[in-house]
Amino acid sequence: MLTAIFIGFIVVFLSGCSTRVNETDTPKAEGNQAEQVKPVELLVSTAPSLKGSLEEIKGMYEAKNPQIKLVYNYGPSGSLQNQIEQGAAADIFISQGKPQMDALEEKGLIKQGSRINLLGDELVLVVNKNNTSIKSFEDLAKPEVKKIGIGEAKSVPAAKTAKETLEYLKLWNQLEPKFVIGKDLMQLMTYVETDNAEAGLVWDTIAITSDKVRIAASAPAGSHNPVFLPAAIVASSKNSEQAAEFLEYLQSDEAMKIFAKNGFIKGK
């Protein structure tokens, strides 16, 4: 009888050990499964003019692709170019200007064959919504116009386009003493919104984001080189396959409808 009791005790003891082992193993299995489904983060370094479009696209794309998490790094294209040159993490670069992408391509810092002209944009002259005296680029020469906002030449692509336009109109030399330099176009918009500048030269897609300014004029046809926003996969990307899929989606009709709503045209 004592032997039977002893054997029963051993069986119960071993059963308890087995249960504890199973309980310990289960969370590990669940933990491993959680790691497997963790979304891939795609880091997109992009011009601020795309913010309205990309934020809307983010919700749509992530809903269809729960395995992807989009992370945006907004900044002047020249600054983003420098970041990539210095080794900053990025999967996709969308530039507001061609020179910045050209520089990265020449250094082998974008994936060969991935570059596209994603979108097109237009340079416009903006003034405070209450300003009725400025209706054209030529009006900038009026003596009452003291300050004109323009982007920093090295980092803001719109600055180059603005110079091309004003030189075409033979206004550059006359207006240059009036220029107030902004680190990016959003800063220029603030200058105009707060009357710290009578006018500013920005992209159409930036201008339409504010109800405190109005577009006084668009750059005349032929006054500057075509404005394209090139996009490419960064050569150092560890998620190039997922980046290629997202870049393809950005060219889809669904995405282009959102870009068009925000003032962009399809690239060529």
Protein backbone atom coordinates (compact mmCIF):
# COMPACT_ATOMS: atom_id res chain seq x y z
CA MET A 1 0.00 0.00 0.00
CA LEU A 2 2.86 2.36 0.86
CA THR A 3 4.39 1.53 -2.48
CA ALA A 4 1.18 2.49 -4.30
CA ILE A 5 1.00 5.80 -2.46
CA PHE A 6 4.64 6.52 -3.31
CA ILE A 7 4.09 5.75 -6.99
CA GLY A 8 1.02 7.99 -7.03
CA PHE A 9 3.03 10.82 -5.54
CA ILE A 10 5.69 10.45 -8.22
CA VAL A 11 3.06 10.55 -11.01
CA VAL A 12 1.48 13.71 -9.62
CA PHE A 13 4.89 15.35 -9.23
CA LEU A 14 5.95 14.60 -12.80
CA SER A 15 2.60 15.80 -14.14
CA GLY A 16 3.06 19.13 -12.37
CA CYS A 17 6.55 19.51 -13.81
CA SER A 18 5.23 18.83 -17.31
CA THR A 19 2.51 21.45 -16.87
CA ARG A 20 5.03 24.06 -15.71
CA VAL A 21 7.28 23.34 -18.68
CA ASN A 22 4.36 23.75 -21.08
CA GLU A 23 3.30 26.99 -19.41
CA THR A 24 6.83 28.31 -19.70
CA ASP A 25 7.15 27.32 -23.34
CA THR A 26 3.84 28.84 -24.46
CA PRO A 27 4.72 32.53 -23.96
CA LYS A 28 8.00 31.97 -25.82
CA ALA A 29 6.12 30.64 -28.82
CA GLU A 30 3.74 33.58 -28.68
CA GLY A 31 6.67 35.97 -28.36
CA ASN A 32 8.36 34.49 -31.42
CA GLN A 33 5.12 34.78 -33.38
CA ALA A 34 4.76 38.45 -32.38
CA GLU A 35 8.29 39.12 -33.62
CA GLN A 36 7.49 37.53 -36.95
CA VAL A 37 4.51 39.80 -37.63
CA LYS A 38 6.21 43.01 -36.48
CA PRO A 39 5.66 45.58 -39.31
CA VAL A 40 8.56 46.60 -41.51
CA GLU A 41 9.28 50.32 -41.07
CA LEU A 42 9.78 52.13 -44.37
CA LEU A 43 11.55 55.46 -43.85
CA VAL A 44 10.70 57.99 -46.56
CA SER A 45 12.77 61.19 -46.66
CA THR A 46 10.65 63.70 -48.53
CA ALA A 47 9.97 67.32 -49.34
CA PRO A 48 7.46 69.13 -47.07
CA SER A 49 5.19 69.95 -50.03
CA LEU A 50 4.14 66.28 -50.08
CA LYS A 51 3.01 66.15 -46.46
CA GLY A 52 -0.73 66.52 -47.09
CA SER A 53 -0.71 63.84 -49.77
CA LEU A 54 1.58 61.36 -48.03
CA GLU A 55 -0.25 61.50 -44.71
CA GLU A 56 -3.47 60.53 -46.48
CA ILE A 57 -1.69 57.84 -48.46
CA LYS A 58 -0.17 56.45 -45.26
CA GLY A 59 -3.55 55.46 -43.84
CA MET A 60 -4.69 53.88 -47.09
CA TYR A 61 -1.49 51.96 -47.73
CA GLU A 62 -1.06 50.64 -44.19
CA ALA A 63 -4.68 49.47 -44.13
CA LYS A 64 -4.00 47.34 -47.21
CA ASN A 65 -0.50 46.34 -46.10
CA PRO A 66 -0.52 45.83 -42.30
CA GLN A 67 3.00 44.39 -42.52
CA ILE A 68 4.29 47.89 -43.43
CA LYS A 69 4.65 50.97 -41.23
CA LEU A 70 5.41 54.21 -43.10
CA VAL A 71 7.65 56.75 -41.36
CA TYR A 72 8.18 60.14 -43.00
CA ASN A 73 11.16 62.44 -42.58
CA TYR A 74 10.21 65.88 -43.93
CA GLY A 75 12.79 68.52 -44.74
CA PRO A 76 14.36 70.75 -47.41
CA SER A 77 15.66 68.56 -50.22
CA GLY A 78 19.22 69.81 -49.85
CA SER A 79 19.23 68.93 -46.15
CA LEU A 80 17.80 65.47 -46.84
CA GLN A 81 20.46 64.95 -49.52
CA ASN A 82 23.16 65.79 -46.98
CA GLN A 83 21.66 63.42 -44.44
CA ILE A 84 21.77 60.53 -46.92
CA GLU A 85 25.33 61.42 -47.93
CA GLN A 86 26.33 61.28 -44.27
CA GLY A 87 24.83 57.82 -43.83
CA ALA A 88 21.45 58.61 -42.30
CA ALA A 89 18.92 55.78 -42.55
CA ALA A 90 16.39 56.09 -45.40
CA ASP A 91 14.60 53.69 -47.73
CA ILE A 92 13.13 56.15 -50.23
CA PHE A 93 14.11 59.71 -51.14
CA ILE A 94 11.61 62.04 -52.82
CA SER A 95 13.26 65.32 -53.79
CA GLN A 96 11.60 68.60 -54.67
CA GLY A 97 14.40 69.22 -57.17
CA LYS A 98 16.49 67.39 -59.75
CA PRO A 99 19.98 68.55 -58.61
CA GLN A 100 19.68 66.89 -55.20
CA MET A 101 18.78 63.54 -56.72
CA ASP A 102 21.46 63.96 -59.39
CA ALA A 103 24.11 64.44 -56.70
CA LEU A 104 23.11 61.25 -54.90
CA GLU A 105 22.96 59.29 -58.13
CA GLU A 106 26.45 60.42 -59.14
CA LYS A 107 27.78 59.14 -55.81
CA GLY A 108 26.03 55.79 -56.17
CA LEU A 109 23.78 56.48 -53.18
CA ILE A 110 20.50 55.58 -54.87
CA LYS A 111 19.60 52.15 -56.22
CA GLN A 112 20.36 51.86 -59.91
CA GLY A 113 17.25 51.80 -62.07
CA SER A 114 14.86 52.85 -59.29
CA ARG A 115 14.71 56.58 -60.08
CA ILE A 116 11.48 58.02 -61.50
CA ASN A 117 9.99 61.46 -62.06
CA LEU A 118 7.10 60.94 -59.67
CA LEU A 119 5.32 64.29 -59.84
CA GLY A 120 5.40 67.80 -61.28
CA ASP A 121 4.86 71.16 -59.56
CA GLU A 122 4.52 74.87 -60.37
CA LEU A 123 6.11 78.03 -58.98
CA VAL A 124 3.69 80.73 -57.79
CA LEU A 125 3.79 84.16 -56.23
CA VAL A 126 1.87 84.37 -52.94
CA VAL A 127 0.75 87.39 -50.93
CA ASN A 128 -1.27 87.88 -47.77
CA LYS A 129 -4.96 87.31 -48.49
CA ASN A 130 -5.66 90.96 -47.56
CA ASN A 131 -3.07 92.29 -50.00
CA THR A 132 -4.74 93.59 -53.15
CA SER A 133 -1.89 95.69 -54.57
CA ILE A 134 0.27 92.82 -55.86
CA LYS A 135 -1.23 91.02 -58.84
CA SER A 136 1.83 90.10 -60.91
CA PHE A 137 5.55 89.47 -60.67
CA GLU A 138 6.14 92.94 -62.10
CA ASP A 139 4.30 94.46 -59.12
CA LEU A 140 7.17 93.27 -56.90
CA ALA A 141 9.20 96.18 -58.25
CA LYS A 142 6.84 98.70 -56.64
CA PRO A 143 8.58 100.84 -53.98
CA GLU A 144 6.00 99.87 -51.32
CA VAL A 145 7.11 96.25 -51.62
CA LYS A 146 10.00 96.05 -49.15
CA LYS A 147 10.45 92.32 -48.51
CA ILE A 148 10.10 89.28 -50.76
CA GLY A 149 10.47 85.79 -49.31
CA ILE A 150 12.71 83.39 -51.24
CA GLY A 151 14.22 80.05 -50.30
CA GLU A 152 17.81 79.40 -49.26
CA ALA A 153 19.65 78.73 -52.52
CA LYS A 154 21.63 75.65 -51.41
CA SER A 155 18.84 73.65 -49.83
CA VAL A 156 15.51 74.84 -51.28
CA PRO A 157 14.94 73.85 -54.94
CA ALA A 158 12.25 76.51 -55.37
CA ALA A 159 14.96 79.15 -54.95
CA LYS A 160 16.64 78.03 -58.18
CA THR A 161 13.32 78.05 -60.04
CA ALA A 162 12.49 81.48 -58.60
CA LYS A 163 15.80 82.85 -59.86
CA GLU A 164 15.25 81.38 -63.32
CA THR A 165 11.79 82.97 -63.45
CA LEU A 166 12.87 86.41 -62.24
CA GLU A 167 15.85 86.44 -64.62
CA TYR A 168 13.52 85.50 -67.46
CA LEU A 169 11.31 88.45 -66.48
CA LYS A 170 14.42 90.68 -66.12
CA LEU A 171 13.55 91.40 -62.49
CA TRP A 172 16.24 89.51 -60.56
CA ASN A 173 18.84 92.28 -60.17
CA GLN A 174 16.20 94.86 -59.30
CA LEU A 175 14.51 92.70 -56.67
CA GLU A 176 17.53 91.01 -55.09
CA PRO A 177 18.00 93.70 -52.36
CA LYS A 178 14.43 92.98 -51.17
CA PHE A 179 14.92 89.25 -50.62
CA VAL A 180 14.29 87.71 -47.21
CA ILE A 181 15.80 84.23 -47.07
CA GLY A 182 13.85 81.32 -45.60
CA LYS A 183 15.29 77.94 -44.60
CA ASP A 184 12.27 76.24 -46.21
CA LEU A 185 9.03 77.15 -47.95
CA MET A 186 6.89 76.79 -44.85
CA GLN A 187 8.95 79.53 -43.25
CA LEU A 188 8.36 81.72 -46.31
CA MET A 189 4.64 81.09 -45.98
CA THR A 190 4.80 82.25 -42.36
CA TYR A 191 6.57 85.44 -43.44
CA VAL A 192 3.71 86.23 -45.84
CA GLU A 193 0.93 85.14 -43.46
CA THR A 194 2.26 87.44 -40.71
CA ASP A 195 3.06 90.37 -43.03
CA ASN A 196 6.80 90.02 -42.40
CA ALA A 197 7.10 89.90 -46.18
CA GLU A 198 4.76 91.37 -48.76
CA ALA A 199 5.21 88.37 -51.06
CA GLY A 200 6.87 84.98 -51.37
CA LEU A 201 7.89 82.55 -54.10
CA VAL A 202 6.75 79.01 -53.34
CA TRP A 203 5.35 75.91 -54.99
CA ASP A 204 1.67 75.85 -55.84
CA THR A 205 1.28 72.75 -53.65
CA ILE A 206 2.57 74.69 -50.64
CA ALA A 207 0.47 77.77 -51.37
CA ILE A 208 -2.84 75.91 -51.36
CA THR A 209 -2.26 74.59 -47.83
CA SER A 210 -2.93 78.01 -46.26
CA ASP A 211 -6.12 80.07 -46.14
CA LYS A 212 -4.11 83.12 -45.02
CA VAL A 213 -2.47 83.70 -48.40
CA ARG A 214 -3.63 83.97 -51.98
CA ILE A 215 -1.86 83.14 -55.23
CA ALA A 216 -1.24 86.43 -57.02
CA ALA A 217 0.39 84.92 -60.11
CA SER A 218 1.87 81.75 -61.54
CA ALA A 219 5.27 81.64 -63.23
CA PRO A 220 4.82 82.26 -66.96
CA ALA A 221 5.12 79.28 -69.28
CA GLY A 222 8.70 78.81 -70.41
CA SER A 223 10.13 81.01 -67.66
CA HIS A 224 11.95 78.15 -65.96
CA ASN A 225 12.99 74.54 -66.43
CA PRO A 226 10.23 71.95 -65.82
CA VAL A 227 9.79 71.15 -62.14
CA PHE A 228 9.77 67.44 -61.38
CA LEU A 229 9.88 65.64 -58.07
CA PRO A 230 12.15 62.64 -58.60
CA ALA A 231 11.90 59.62 -56.31
CA ALA A 232 14.26 56.69 -55.83
CA ILE A 233 15.21 53.87 -53.49
CA VAL A 234 18.24 54.67 -51.35
CA ALA A 235 21.11 52.28 -52.10
CA SER A 236 21.70 51.49 -48.41
CA SER A 237 18.04 50.52 -47.80
CA LYS A 238 17.60 47.22 -45.98
CA ASN A 239 13.99 47.05 -47.21
CA SER A 240 14.46 47.62 -50.93
CA GLU A 241 11.79 45.10 -51.94
CA GLN A 242 9.13 46.76 -49.77
CA ALA A 243 10.38 50.19 -50.88
CA ALA A 244 9.95 49.21 -54.54
CA GLU A 245 6.39 48.09 -53.87
CA PHE A 246 5.52 51.37 -52.15
CA LEU A 247 7.15 53.39 -54.93
CA GLU A 248 5.04 51.48 -57.44
CA TYR A 249 1.92 52.23 -55.41
CA LEU A 250 2.74 55.96 -55.43
CA GLN A 251 2.44 55.84 -59.22
CA SER A 252 -0.98 54.15 -59.13
CA ASP A 253 -4.22 55.88 -60.12
CA GLU A 254 -5.40 55.71 -56.50
CA ALA A 255 -2.36 57.58 -55.20
CA MET A 256 -2.31 60.02 -58.11
CA LYS A 257 -5.86 61.13 -57.31
CA ILE A 258 -4.64 62.21 -53.88
CA PHE A 259 -1.62 64.00 -55.33
CA ALA A 260 -3.83 65.78 -57.87
CA LYS A 261 -6.17 66.91 -55.11
CA ASN A 262 -3.17 68.60 -53.51
CA GLY A 263 -2.10 70.42 -56.66
CA PHE A 264 0.45 68.02 -58.17
CA ILE A 265 0.59 66.76 -61.71
CA LYS A 266 1.85 63.34 -62.75
CA GLY A 267 5.55 63.21 -63.57
CA LYS A 268 6.88 62.38 -67.02
